[in-house]
Amino acid sequence: MDSPRPFPILHLPFVPIQEVFKAMDPFEIINFSMVSKRTKGIAKQMTFYSKYSIQFSIGQELEVVVMGPKYMTQCYYLFTTNQEMNGKVGENTFEGWNEILVWKYSDNPVEEWKRLSKYVLEIFKKQTIVLFSIMLDTYVEQNVSIIDFLKTNVKSVEKCNLFHAEERNDVDEHAAYVLENMKITFELLLCLHIKSDDFILKIPKDLKELTMMESQWVRYERLLEIDCKSVALQGDQITNEQWNSFFKKWIAMETNQNLECLELKYRELGTFRDHVLHDIPHEEIDEGVKRELKISSNATQEISGGIDIRRIDGKTATFFVYRVFSTDRFAMSIH
């Protein structure tokens, strides 16, 4: 297969080849590799590519993003069906952080995206990408082809985001196809309007973060199957009686033993106590008591008071309300 046609070549410093590569941004590395078979071979011999990471995105524009060490340089290749954007270059710089964007017109952006994606994976010697994000109702007829391409060329994805632009569009089967065919190792975000109440998605095990917006389709039985450290459900239809049963099972260590934090749609703490914890031993913590509790797998916040329940192994779960951008959130943190 021919290499994808290069994007605009940026200025290269006149220094020895090893130093040239260290001074290049990802655009320059890729364009240098496209000059000839010899330059491609030279590029592939470089040994510092572990410092780079890659992410792919499918939406109105299709993105191939290469990020330099510590994410201080981010280079975006954007394929567009808008001819007026062809060849445009944008750059944003802030306190040492640099973002470069290059647009390219294509009447078949998915195939061009595939070609460049495969080439970038080869040059940077990557089998894992940091992020895959897809708007499932943008290129509906090519969703399966896109996922098959990733399954063939990428061993795993650290973070995966599945979006749905128009609620009337049915993307249930394609969402399931993504999760059946991609290995997701760290984080999954679902912003989907699932049509079927009994629809089954294969939620990966051992995720650190699972966020499900519009999660009305998540029922009690599915909740018991989720085995992730941090879970956020927005709009679930699980009843107070089912939550009561869930927390009893958690106390007895019969379910969700890896859970570290759980976020639900907002509810008043006293109402939750009366309707869910009414027959579960619990302790109300004085508002003057402040504790640093997890609100996600990698973030904590100082929390005042709360309600505690305890698992049979001594672990404590604290229920509390906290604020994010002036919005109240209801959560449970295990410590």
Protein backbone atom coordinates (compact mmCIF):
# COMPACT_ATOMS: atom_id res chain seq x y z
CA MET A 1 0.00 0.00 0.00
CA ASP A 2 1.36 3.45 -0.87
CA SER A 3 2.25 5.78 1.97
CA PRO A 4 -0.29 8.53 2.59
CA ARG A 5 0.54 11.79 0.86
CA PRO A 6 2.44 14.09 3.23
CA PHE A 7 0.99 17.11 4.93
CA PRO A 8 2.87 20.46 4.60
CA ILE A 9 6.56 20.07 5.51
CA LEU A 10 7.71 22.39 8.27
CA HIS A 11 11.25 23.80 8.63
CA LEU A 12 13.94 21.29 9.69
CA PRO A 13 17.09 22.45 11.53
CA PHE A 14 20.47 21.70 9.83
CA VAL A 15 22.10 19.43 12.43
CA PRO A 16 23.29 15.78 12.54
CA ILE A 17 20.52 13.28 11.86
CA GLN A 18 20.17 11.95 15.42
CA GLU A 19 19.86 15.48 16.76
CA VAL A 20 17.49 16.40 13.94
CA PHE A 21 14.99 13.79 15.12
CA LYS A 22 15.23 14.93 18.72
CA ALA A 23 14.45 18.48 17.63
CA MET A 24 11.56 17.54 15.33
CA ASP A 25 7.91 17.71 16.22
CA PRO A 26 5.77 14.74 15.11
CA PHE A 27 4.71 16.47 11.87
CA GLU A 28 8.32 16.85 10.85
CA ILE A 29 9.20 13.26 11.77
CA ILE A 30 6.34 11.87 9.68
CA ASN A 31 6.96 14.12 6.70
CA PHE A 32 10.68 13.33 6.78
CA SER A 33 9.85 9.61 6.74
CA MET A 34 7.69 10.08 3.65
CA VAL A 35 10.45 11.56 1.49
CA SER A 36 11.86 8.20 0.44
CA LYS A 37 12.27 4.57 1.50
CA ARG A 38 15.64 5.52 2.94
CA THR A 39 14.26 8.29 5.15
CA LYS A 40 11.45 6.00 6.27
CA GLY A 41 14.02 3.40 7.25
CA ILE A 42 16.02 6.00 9.17
CA ALA A 43 12.89 7.19 10.99
CA LYS A 44 11.95 3.65 12.00
CA GLN A 45 15.43 3.10 13.51
CA MET A 46 14.96 5.87 16.07
CA THR A 47 14.68 4.54 19.64
CA PHE A 48 13.02 7.36 21.57
CA TYR A 49 9.46 6.89 20.31
CA SER A 50 8.23 5.53 23.63
CA LYS A 51 7.94 9.17 24.68
CA TYR A 52 5.22 9.73 22.07
CA SER A 53 1.57 8.70 22.23
CA ILE A 54 -1.21 8.46 19.67
CA GLN A 55 -4.95 9.00 19.68
CA PHE A 56 -7.63 8.64 17.01
CA SER A 57 -10.98 10.40 16.72
CA ILE A 58 -13.94 9.94 14.35
CA GLY A 59 -16.46 12.76 14.00
CA GLN A 60 -17.31 15.41 11.42
CA GLU A 61 -13.54 15.66 11.09
CA LEU A 62 -11.35 12.59 11.47
CA GLU A 63 -8.26 13.06 13.59
CA VAL A 64 -4.89 11.40 13.93
CA VAL A 65 -3.11 12.97 16.89
CA VAL A 66 0.52 12.46 17.86
CA MET A 67 1.55 13.84 21.24
CA GLY A 68 5.12 14.48 22.26
CA PRO A 69 6.76 13.89 25.63
CA LYS A 70 4.63 14.98 28.61
CA TYR A 71 1.93 16.08 26.07
CA MET A 72 3.71 19.44 25.67
CA THR A 73 3.49 19.15 21.88
CA GLN A 74 0.28 17.92 20.26
CA CYS A 75 0.06 17.57 16.49
CA TYR A 76 -3.37 17.09 14.91
CA TYR A 77 -3.96 15.76 11.40
CA LEU A 78 -7.58 16.51 10.52
CA PHE A 79 -9.34 15.05 7.48
CA THR A 80 -12.32 17.07 6.34
CA THR A 81 -14.92 17.09 3.59
CA ASN A 82 -14.83 20.90 3.63
CA GLN A 83 -12.67 21.96 0.65
CA GLU A 84 -12.17 25.44 2.10
CA MET A 85 -10.19 23.98 5.01
CA ASN A 86 -7.71 22.12 2.80
CA GLY A 87 -4.11 22.94 3.69
CA LYS A 88 -4.95 25.24 6.58
CA VAL A 89 -2.54 25.23 9.51
CA GLY A 90 -3.30 26.40 13.03
CA GLU A 91 -1.04 26.74 16.04
CA ASN A 92 -1.72 27.49 19.70
CA THR A 93 1.00 28.03 22.29
CA PHE A 94 0.64 28.55 26.03
CA GLU A 95 3.40 28.45 28.67
CA GLY A 96 5.56 25.97 26.79
CA TRP A 97 2.61 23.86 25.60
CA ASN A 98 2.26 23.75 21.81
CA GLU A 99 -0.64 22.56 19.65
CA ILE A 100 -0.33 22.31 15.86
CA LEU A 101 -3.28 21.54 13.58
CA VAL A 102 -3.19 20.71 9.86
CA TRP A 103 -6.34 20.16 7.78
CA LYS A 104 -6.58 18.11 4.62
CA TYR A 105 -9.60 17.83 2.33
CA SER A 106 -10.69 14.40 1.14
CA ASP A 107 -13.77 13.08 -0.63
CA ASN A 108 -13.11 9.78 1.18
CA PRO A 109 -11.86 10.87 4.61
CA VAL A 110 -12.30 7.47 6.30
CA GLU A 111 -9.93 5.71 3.90
CA GLU A 112 -7.38 8.56 4.09
CA TRP A 113 -7.64 8.43 7.89
CA LYS A 114 -6.99 4.68 7.84
CA ARG A 115 -3.91 5.05 5.64
CA LEU A 116 -2.35 7.75 7.78
CA SER A 117 -3.31 5.98 11.03
CA LYS A 118 -1.57 2.78 9.90
CA TYR A 119 1.49 4.72 8.77
CA VAL A 120 1.76 6.64 12.06
CA LEU A 121 1.44 3.42 14.08
CA GLU A 122 4.24 1.92 12.02
CA ILE A 123 6.60 4.88 12.23
CA PHE A 124 6.14 5.38 15.98
CA LYS A 125 6.14 1.61 16.66
CA LYS A 126 2.85 1.68 18.57
CA GLN A 127 0.49 -1.19 19.29
CA THR A 128 -1.46 0.70 21.96
CA ILE A 129 -3.14 4.08 21.57
CA VAL A 130 -4.03 6.47 24.36
CA LEU A 131 -7.54 7.36 23.16
CA PHE A 132 -10.11 6.28 20.61
CA SER A 133 -13.18 8.49 20.30
CA ILE A 134 -16.04 8.00 17.85
CA MET A 135 -19.36 9.66 17.08
CA LEU A 136 -21.21 6.53 16.07
CA ASP A 137 -23.87 8.21 13.94
CA THR A 138 -21.52 10.27 11.75
CA TYR A 139 -20.17 7.55 9.43
CA VAL A 140 -22.73 4.86 10.21
CA GLU A 141 -22.14 2.78 7.08
CA GLN A 142 -18.39 2.65 7.79
CA ASN A 143 -18.44 2.02 11.55
CA VAL A 144 -17.81 -1.71 11.19
CA SER A 145 -14.96 -1.10 8.75
CA ILE A 146 -13.39 1.42 11.17
CA ILE A 147 -13.57 -0.97 14.11
CA ASP A 148 -12.23 -3.86 12.02
CA PHE A 149 -9.30 -1.65 11.01
CA LEU A 150 -8.51 -0.87 14.65
CA LYS A 151 -8.89 -4.50 15.70
CA THR A 152 -6.32 -5.46 13.04
CA ASN A 153 -3.80 -2.69 13.74
CA VAL A 154 -4.12 -1.85 17.45
CA LYS A 155 -3.77 -4.33 20.31
CA SER A 156 -5.36 -2.14 22.97
CA VAL A 157 -6.83 1.29 23.74
CA GLU A 158 -6.29 2.97 27.09
CA LYS A 159 -9.36 5.21 26.90
CA CYS A 160 -12.44 4.85 24.70
CA ASN A 161 -15.25 7.39 24.22
CA LEU A 162 -18.47 6.43 22.42
CA PHE A 163 -20.76 9.31 21.47
CA HIS A 164 -24.19 9.66 19.87
CA ALA A 165 -25.15 12.97 18.24
CA GLU A 166 -28.82 12.49 17.40
CA GLU A 167 -31.06 10.58 19.82
CA ARG A 168 -33.32 9.37 16.99
CA ASN A 169 -30.45 7.45 15.41
CA ASP A 170 -30.07 3.82 16.51
CA VAL A 171 -26.42 2.93 17.15
CA ASP A 172 -26.98 0.08 19.62
CA GLU A 173 -25.42 -2.65 17.47
CA HIS A 174 -22.39 -0.57 16.54
CA ALA A 175 -21.74 0.33 20.20
CA ALA A 176 -21.83 -3.37 21.02
CA TYR A 177 -19.49 -4.10 18.11
CA VAL A 178 -16.91 -1.64 19.43
CA LEU A 179 -16.89 -3.22 22.89
CA GLU A 180 -16.80 -6.76 21.52
CA ASN A 181 -13.80 -6.08 19.28
CA MET A 182 -11.60 -3.61 21.14
CA LYS A 183 -9.50 -4.20 24.24
CA ILE A 184 -9.99 -1.18 26.54
CA THR A 185 -7.61 -1.10 29.49
CA PHE A 186 -8.24 2.05 31.51
CA GLU A 187 -11.32 4.17 30.90
CA LEU A 188 -14.66 3.95 29.07
CA LEU A 189 -17.08 6.83 28.49
CA LEU A 190 -20.52 6.06 27.04
CA CYS A 191 -22.66 9.00 25.91
CA LEU A 192 -25.29 6.93 24.11
CA HIS A 193 -29.06 6.94 23.76
CA ILE A 194 -29.52 3.17 23.93
CA LYS A 195 -32.85 2.22 22.36
CA SER A 196 -33.48 -1.19 23.91
CA ASP A 197 -34.02 -1.64 27.66
CA ASP A 198 -32.73 -5.21 27.48
CA PHE A 199 -29.75 -4.36 25.29
CA ILE A 200 -26.50 -6.02 26.37
CA LEU A 201 -23.16 -4.25 26.15
CA LYS A 202 -19.98 -6.12 26.98
CA ILE A 203 -18.55 -3.80 29.64
CA PRO A 204 -14.82 -4.51 30.01
CA LYS A 205 -13.62 -5.85 33.36
CA ASP A 206 -11.06 -4.13 35.61
CA LEU A 207 -11.48 -0.62 34.19
CA LYS A 208 -10.34 2.23 36.39
CA GLU A 209 -13.05 4.58 35.11
CA LEU A 210 -16.52 3.80 33.72
CA THR A 211 -18.87 6.71 32.98
CA MET A 212 -22.32 6.14 31.48
CA MET A 213 -24.40 9.16 30.56
CA GLU A 214 -28.07 8.57 29.73
CA SER A 215 -27.78 5.27 31.61
CA GLN A 216 -31.51 4.50 31.87
CA TRP A 217 -30.83 1.14 30.19
CA VAL A 218 -28.61 -0.02 33.08
CA ARG A 219 -30.69 -2.33 35.27
CA TYR A 220 -29.95 -4.00 38.60
CA GLU A 221 -28.65 -7.22 37.06
CA ARG A 222 -26.22 -5.28 34.85
CA LEU A 223 -25.03 -3.27 37.85
CA LEU A 224 -23.97 -6.47 39.60
CA GLU A 225 -21.87 -7.42 36.55
CA ILE A 226 -19.86 -4.20 36.48
CA ASP A 227 -16.38 -4.75 37.85
CA CYS A 228 -14.65 -1.35 37.68
CA LYS A 229 -12.91 0.84 40.24
CA SER A 230 -14.77 4.09 39.53
CA VAL A 231 -18.35 4.05 38.17
CA ALA A 232 -20.56 7.03 37.29
CA LEU A 233 -24.20 6.45 36.30
CA GLN A 234 -26.28 9.40 35.16
CA GLY A 235 -30.00 8.69 34.92
CA ASP A 236 -30.18 5.05 35.97
CA GLN A 237 -33.59 3.46 36.62
CA ILE A 238 -32.52 1.30 39.57
CA THR A 239 -35.06 1.49 42.40
CA ASN A 240 -34.40 2.30 46.06
CA GLU A 241 -35.18 -1.32 46.95
CA GLN A 242 -32.61 -2.54 44.42
CA TRP A 243 -29.99 -0.13 45.73
CA ASN A 244 -30.74 -1.43 49.22
CA SER A 245 -30.09 -4.97 47.99
CA PHE A 246 -26.95 -3.88 46.13
CA PHE A 247 -25.34 -2.31 49.20
CA LYS A 248 -26.22 -5.36 51.31
CA LYS A 249 -24.44 -7.52 48.75
CA TRP A 250 -21.48 -5.13 48.78
CA ILE A 251 -21.29 -5.32 52.59
CA ALA A 252 -21.30 -9.12 52.39
CA MET A 253 -18.57 -8.97 49.68
CA GLU A 254 -20.84 -10.70 47.17
CA THR A 255 -20.48 -8.06 44.45
CA ASN A 256 -18.35 -5.20 43.10
CA GLN A 257 -15.38 -5.86 45.36
CA ASN A 258 -13.05 -3.75 43.18
CA LEU A 259 -15.29 -0.68 43.47
CA GLU A 260 -13.57 2.41 44.92
CA CYS A 261 -16.05 5.15 44.09
CA LEU A 262 -19.59 5.36 42.73
CA GLU A 263 -21.38 8.47 41.46
CA LEU A 264 -25.16 8.58 40.89
CA LYS A 265 -27.71 11.15 39.84
CA TYR A 266 -28.19 13.73 42.60
CA ARG A 267 -30.31 12.87 45.60
CA GLU A 268 -30.59 14.49 49.02
CA LEU A 269 -28.48 12.63 51.57
CA GLY A 270 -31.23 12.34 54.20
CA THR A 271 -33.72 10.99 51.67
CA PHE A 272 -31.19 8.42 50.54
CA ARG A 273 -30.64 7.38 54.17
CA ASP A 274 -34.37 6.96 54.82
CA HIS A 275 -35.21 5.11 51.61
CA VAL A 276 -32.09 3.04 50.92
CA LEU A 277 -30.19 2.59 54.21
CA HIS A 278 -33.22 2.22 56.48
CA ASP A 279 -32.37 -1.36 57.50
CA ILE A 280 -28.60 -1.23 56.92
CA PRO A 281 -26.34 -0.36 59.88
CA HIS A 282 -24.87 3.08 59.21
CA GLU A 283 -23.21 5.99 60.96
CA GLU A 284 -23.91 9.67 60.30
CA ILE A 285 -20.68 11.68 60.46
CA ASP A 286 -20.68 15.16 61.99
CA GLU A 287 -20.31 17.99 59.45
CA GLY A 288 -17.29 19.21 61.40
CA VAL A 289 -15.38 16.07 60.47
CA LYS A 290 -13.40 16.56 57.25
CA ARG A 291 -11.87 13.69 55.29
CA GLU A 292 -10.02 13.40 52.00
CA LEU A 293 -12.08 10.98 49.89
CA LYS A 294 -11.79 9.67 46.35
CA ILE A 295 -14.24 11.11 43.83
CA SER A 296 -12.65 9.20 40.92
CA SER A 297 -9.83 6.73 40.47
CA ASN A 298 -7.23 9.50 40.36
CA ALA A 299 -8.83 12.45 42.19
CA THR A 300 -9.73 13.24 45.80
CA GLN A 301 -11.64 16.02 47.51
CA GLU A 302 -12.05 17.16 51.11
CA ILE A 303 -15.52 16.08 52.25
CA SER A 304 -17.40 17.22 55.36
CA GLY A 305 -19.59 14.69 57.18
CA GLY A 306 -21.38 12.01 55.20
CA ILE A 307 -22.92 8.65 56.05
CA ASP A 308 -20.74 5.54 56.58
CA ILE A 309 -21.47 1.87 56.10
CA ARG A 310 -18.92 -0.90 56.65
CA ARG A 311 -18.08 -4.05 54.72
CA ILE A 312 -17.42 -7.32 56.54
CA ASP A 313 -13.68 -6.97 55.84
CA GLY A 314 -13.57 -3.58 57.58
CA LYS A 315 -13.67 -1.37 54.48
CA THR A 316 -15.82 1.77 54.87
CA ALA A 317 -18.06 3.32 52.24
CA THR A 318 -18.99 6.97 52.77
CA PHE A 319 -22.01 8.53 51.02
CA PHE A 320 -21.81 12.28 50.50
CA VAL A 321 -22.81 15.21 48.31
CA TYR A 322 -20.15 17.41 46.70
CA ARG A 323 -20.08 20.17 44.09
CA VAL A 324 -18.46 20.33 40.66
CA PHE A 325 -18.84 23.58 38.69
CA SER A 326 -21.80 24.66 40.85
CA THR A 327 -23.54 21.31 40.35
CA ASP A 328 -24.33 18.95 43.24
CA ARG A 329 -23.12 15.37 42.83
CA PHE A 330 -24.08 12.34 44.94
CA ALA A 331 -21.31 9.82 45.48
CA MET A 332 -19.94 6.92 47.48
CA SER A 333 -16.24 6.59 48.27
CA ILE A 334 -14.66 3.44 49.65
CA HIS A 335 -11.70 3.75 51.99
